[in-house]
Amino acid sequence: MNHGIKFILNGESWNPKDSNGAAVKPISYAGTTYVPLRSVAEATGAEIKWDNDTQSISISTGDQEATRQPFNTSNVSHVKTYTESGITNNVDELLFGETQYTSAFVVQGVNSANQGVTFKIKEGTKKIGISIGFKDPKGTNATYSIGTKTSTFATGSVNNGTVVTNTLDIPKGTTELILEFKGQPGANGKGYLLWDESWLEK
């Protein structure tokens, strides 16, 4: 321990402490000084996280640019429920106008009774952007809502054969979302969450 080293933070004397409030001191060894990383980082507004699986320390600052990732099998997954839903890669049904999509969550049998697809997102996700499509051989339209079992984050409408987009802020700790569609009586539509133009930010 080197008790002779002083810390100056923003021009003022500062004494680092651990999570229990106890004072911590830098260490001098073989000509190198080692400082208490967590205390210093948190004092300057950075966030420190330890990942035991990868044995790595991550440091992030408040003004760090958000990392946007497209939907893929590493950051989203389907949750099996009572509805007829899943993941489709059928390019024939994923053609909307002149735009060809390649992957999507899909729920079938959309009519006047709500039908939804449930999916998981990576823990720590702060925002998502979603592209929502709908098709019905009878030419009807649908409404949709997205949220959790207890909260609705957004609602809207989508016409037959078209795609709409929505951007949502995700509450901390939320990892499971439900996209529900409601169609017309007697309809037999399919609702889609198109991966190609959907993304998440952490």
Protein backbone atom coordinates (compact mmCIF):
# COMPACT_ATOMS: atom_id res chain seq x y z
CA MET A 1 0.00 0.00 0.00
CA ASN A 2 1.21 3.49 -0.79
CA HIS A 3 -0.38 5.88 1.71
CA GLY A 4 1.60 8.81 0.32
CA ILE A 5 -0.31 9.05 -2.96
CA LYS A 6 -3.11 11.63 -3.07
CA PHE A 7 -6.08 11.76 -5.46
CA ILE A 8 -7.29 15.02 -7.00
CA LEU A 9 -10.75 14.82 -8.60
CA ASN A 10 -11.89 17.86 -10.59
CA GLY A 11 -9.38 20.01 -8.74
CA GLU A 12 -10.36 18.85 -5.26
CA SER A 13 -8.89 16.31 -2.88
CA TRP A 14 -10.69 12.96 -3.06
CA ASN A 15 -10.38 9.74 -1.07
CA PRO A 16 -11.53 6.54 -2.81
CA LYS A 17 -13.76 4.11 -0.91
CA ASP A 18 -15.02 0.61 -1.58
CA SER A 19 -18.68 -0.45 -1.80
CA ASN A 20 -18.83 -0.73 2.00
CA GLY A 21 -17.54 2.79 2.53
CA ALA A 22 -14.08 1.72 3.68
CA ALA A 23 -11.07 3.69 2.44
CA VAL A 24 -8.97 2.03 -0.25
CA LYS A 25 -5.39 2.91 -1.14
CA PRO A 26 -3.35 2.57 -4.32
CA ILE A 27 -0.56 0.02 -4.52
CA SER A 28 2.97 0.68 -5.77
CA TYR A 29 4.77 -2.40 -7.07
CA ALA A 30 7.89 -2.75 -9.21
CA GLY A 31 7.77 0.89 -10.26
CA THR A 32 4.08 0.83 -11.24
CA THR A 33 1.18 2.36 -9.31
CA TYR A 34 -2.14 0.48 -9.29
CA VAL A 35 -5.30 2.41 -8.40
CA PRO A 36 -8.70 1.07 -7.24
CA LEU A 37 -10.47 0.82 -10.59
CA ARG A 38 -14.08 0.61 -9.43
CA SER A 39 -13.78 3.58 -7.07
CA VAL A 40 -12.07 5.76 -9.66
CA ALA A 41 -14.46 4.79 -12.46
CA GLU A 42 -17.62 5.35 -10.44
CA ALA A 43 -16.33 8.70 -9.18
CA THR A 44 -15.96 9.86 -12.78
CA GLY A 45 -19.42 8.63 -13.82
CA ALA A 46 -18.41 5.36 -15.45
CA GLU A 47 -20.16 2.04 -14.89
CA ILE A 48 -18.16 -1.06 -13.99
CA LYS A 49 -19.41 -4.61 -14.60
CA TRP A 50 -17.76 -7.95 -13.94
CA ASP A 51 -18.59 -10.93 -16.20
CA ASN A 52 -17.62 -14.11 -14.41
CA ASP A 53 -18.28 -16.30 -17.48
CA THR A 54 -15.78 -14.45 -19.65
CA GLN A 55 -13.58 -13.25 -16.76
CA SER A 56 -13.76 -9.71 -18.08
CA ILE A 57 -14.33 -6.22 -16.72
CA SER A 58 -16.42 -3.80 -18.79
CA ILE A 59 -16.31 -0.03 -18.31
CA SER A 60 -18.94 2.22 -19.86
CA THR A 61 -19.53 5.95 -19.59
CA GLY A 62 -22.83 7.81 -19.57
CA ASP A 63 -22.21 9.42 -22.95
CA GLN A 64 -21.26 6.14 -24.59
CA GLU A 65 -22.89 5.68 -27.96
CA ALA A 66 -25.58 3.00 -27.89
CA THR A 67 -24.78 -0.21 -29.72
CA ARG A 68 -27.48 -1.10 -32.25
CA GLN A 69 -27.78 -4.71 -33.36
CA PRO A 70 -30.15 -6.19 -35.95
CA PHE A 71 -32.46 -8.97 -34.78
CA ASN A 72 -30.77 -12.36 -35.08
CA THR A 73 -30.72 -15.72 -33.31
CA SER A 74 -28.11 -14.52 -30.81
CA ASN A 75 -30.20 -11.66 -29.39
CA VAL A 76 -33.86 -12.66 -29.84
CA SER A 77 -35.70 -15.97 -29.45
CA HIS A 78 -39.25 -17.28 -29.79
CA VAL A 79 -41.22 -18.27 -26.70
CA LYS A 80 -43.67 -21.11 -27.28
CA THR A 81 -47.22 -20.36 -26.07
CA TYR A 82 -50.75 -21.54 -26.85
CA THR A 83 -50.84 -19.51 -30.09
CA GLU A 84 -49.77 -20.84 -33.47
CA SER A 85 -46.59 -18.80 -33.68
CA GLY A 86 -42.91 -19.25 -34.41
CA ILE A 87 -40.10 -18.18 -36.74
CA THR A 88 -40.41 -18.27 -40.51
CA ASN A 89 -37.81 -18.02 -43.27
CA ASN A 90 -40.31 -18.61 -46.07
CA VAL A 91 -39.39 -15.99 -48.65
CA ASP A 92 -42.69 -16.40 -50.50
CA GLU A 93 -44.73 -15.19 -47.53
CA LEU A 94 -42.10 -12.59 -46.55
CA LEU A 95 -42.47 -10.53 -49.72
CA PHE A 96 -44.19 -7.22 -48.93
CA GLY A 97 -44.65 -5.08 -52.02
CA GLU A 98 -41.24 -5.00 -53.68
CA THR A 99 -39.32 -5.64 -50.45
CA GLN A 100 -38.11 -9.16 -49.78
CA TYR A 101 -37.57 -10.06 -46.13
CA THR A 102 -35.77 -13.20 -45.01
CA SER A 103 -36.73 -13.90 -41.37
CA ALA A 104 -39.59 -13.05 -39.05
CA PHE A 105 -41.57 -14.00 -36.00
CA VAL A 106 -45.03 -15.00 -37.24
CA VAL A 107 -48.42 -15.70 -35.67
CA GLN A 108 -51.18 -17.35 -37.66
CA GLY A 109 -54.96 -17.34 -37.48
CA VAL A 110 -55.34 -13.63 -36.75
CA ASN A 111 -59.03 -12.69 -36.48
CA SER A 112 -61.18 -10.73 -34.05
CA ALA A 113 -59.69 -12.71 -31.15
CA ASN A 114 -56.22 -11.45 -30.20
CA GLN A 115 -53.39 -13.66 -31.46
CA GLY A 116 -49.82 -12.92 -30.43
CA VAL A 117 -46.22 -13.98 -30.65
CA THR A 118 -44.05 -13.92 -27.53
CA PHE A 119 -40.29 -13.42 -27.79
CA LYS A 120 -37.27 -12.78 -25.63
CA ILE A 121 -34.66 -10.06 -26.03
CA LYS A 122 -31.20 -9.78 -24.50
CA GLU A 123 -31.03 -8.58 -20.92
CA GLY A 124 -29.90 -4.96 -20.76
CA THR A 125 -31.73 -3.92 -23.94
CA LYS A 126 -32.73 -0.26 -23.65
CA LYS A 127 -34.56 0.33 -26.93
CA ILE A 128 -35.90 -1.66 -29.86
CA GLY A 129 -37.05 -0.76 -33.34
CA ILE A 130 -39.53 -3.16 -34.91
CA SER A 131 -41.00 -3.66 -38.37
CA ILE A 132 -44.49 -5.17 -38.29
CA GLY A 133 -46.25 -6.73 -41.26
CA PHE A 134 -49.68 -8.24 -41.84
CA LYS A 135 -51.27 -10.38 -44.54
CA ASP A 136 -54.79 -11.73 -44.91
CA PRO A 137 -56.05 -13.58 -48.01
CA LYS A 138 -59.43 -11.86 -47.49
CA GLY A 139 -57.77 -8.44 -47.73
CA THR A 140 -58.65 -7.23 -44.23
CA ASN A 141 -56.50 -5.04 -41.99
CA ALA A 142 -55.46 -5.41 -38.34
CA THR A 143 -54.46 -3.54 -35.22
CA TYR A 144 -51.52 -4.46 -33.02
CA SER A 145 -50.12 -3.87 -29.55
CA ILE A 146 -46.73 -4.67 -28.07
CA GLY A 147 -45.67 -4.88 -24.45
CA THR A 148 -45.50 -7.33 -21.58
CA LYS A 149 -48.15 -9.37 -19.77
CA THR A 150 -48.83 -6.39 -17.52
CA SER A 151 -47.99 -3.30 -19.62
CA THR A 152 -48.63 -2.06 -23.16
CA PHE A 153 -45.78 -0.05 -24.70
CA ALA A 154 -47.29 0.82 -28.09
CA THR A 155 -50.36 0.27 -30.28
CA GLY A 156 -51.10 0.86 -33.93
CA SER A 157 -52.70 -0.42 -37.11
CA VAL A 158 -51.30 -2.21 -40.15
CA ASN A 159 -52.99 -2.66 -43.51
CA ASN A 160 -53.04 -5.89 -45.45
CA GLY A 161 -49.77 -6.49 -47.29
CA THR A 162 -47.96 -3.55 -45.70
CA VAL A 163 -45.25 -2.94 -43.09
CA VAL A 164 -45.19 -0.34 -40.31
CA THR A 165 -42.40 0.53 -37.88
CA ASN A 166 -42.25 1.47 -34.23
CA THR A 167 -39.49 2.42 -31.78
CA LEU A 168 -39.85 1.50 -28.11
CA ASP A 169 -37.96 2.30 -24.93
CA ILE A 170 -37.59 -0.89 -22.91
CA PRO A 171 -37.96 -0.68 -19.12
CA LYS A 172 -35.00 -1.95 -17.14
CA GLY A 173 -35.18 -5.67 -16.47
CA THR A 174 -37.61 -6.43 -19.31
CA THR A 175 -36.60 -9.45 -21.38
CA GLU A 176 -39.92 -10.88 -22.64
CA LEU A 177 -42.26 -9.06 -25.03
CA ILE A 178 -45.60 -9.90 -26.64
CA LEU A 179 -46.71 -8.62 -30.05
CA GLU A 180 -50.47 -9.11 -30.42
CA PHE A 181 -52.64 -8.70 -33.51
CA LYS A 182 -56.40 -8.25 -33.72
CA GLY A 183 -58.09 -8.68 -37.08
CA GLN A 184 -61.63 -8.68 -38.42
CA PRO A 185 -64.32 -11.27 -37.64
CA GLY A 186 -63.91 -14.26 -39.94
CA ALA A 187 -60.41 -13.23 -41.02
CA ASN A 188 -57.50 -15.67 -41.16
CA GLY A 189 -54.47 -13.42 -41.30
CA LYS A 190 -50.81 -13.69 -40.37
CA GLY A 191 -48.93 -11.13 -38.32
CA TYR A 192 -45.18 -10.69 -38.68
CA LEU A 193 -42.32 -9.09 -36.79
CA LEU A 194 -39.74 -8.77 -39.55
CA TRP A 195 -36.16 -9.26 -38.38
CA ASP A 196 -34.45 -7.65 -41.37
CA GLU A 197 -35.42 -4.11 -40.37
CA SER A 198 -35.79 -4.65 -36.61
CA TRP A 199 -33.03 -3.86 -34.12
CA LEU A 200 -32.19 -3.50 -30.46
CA GLU A 201 -29.91 -1.14 -28.52
CA LYS A 202 -28.02 -1.89 -25.33
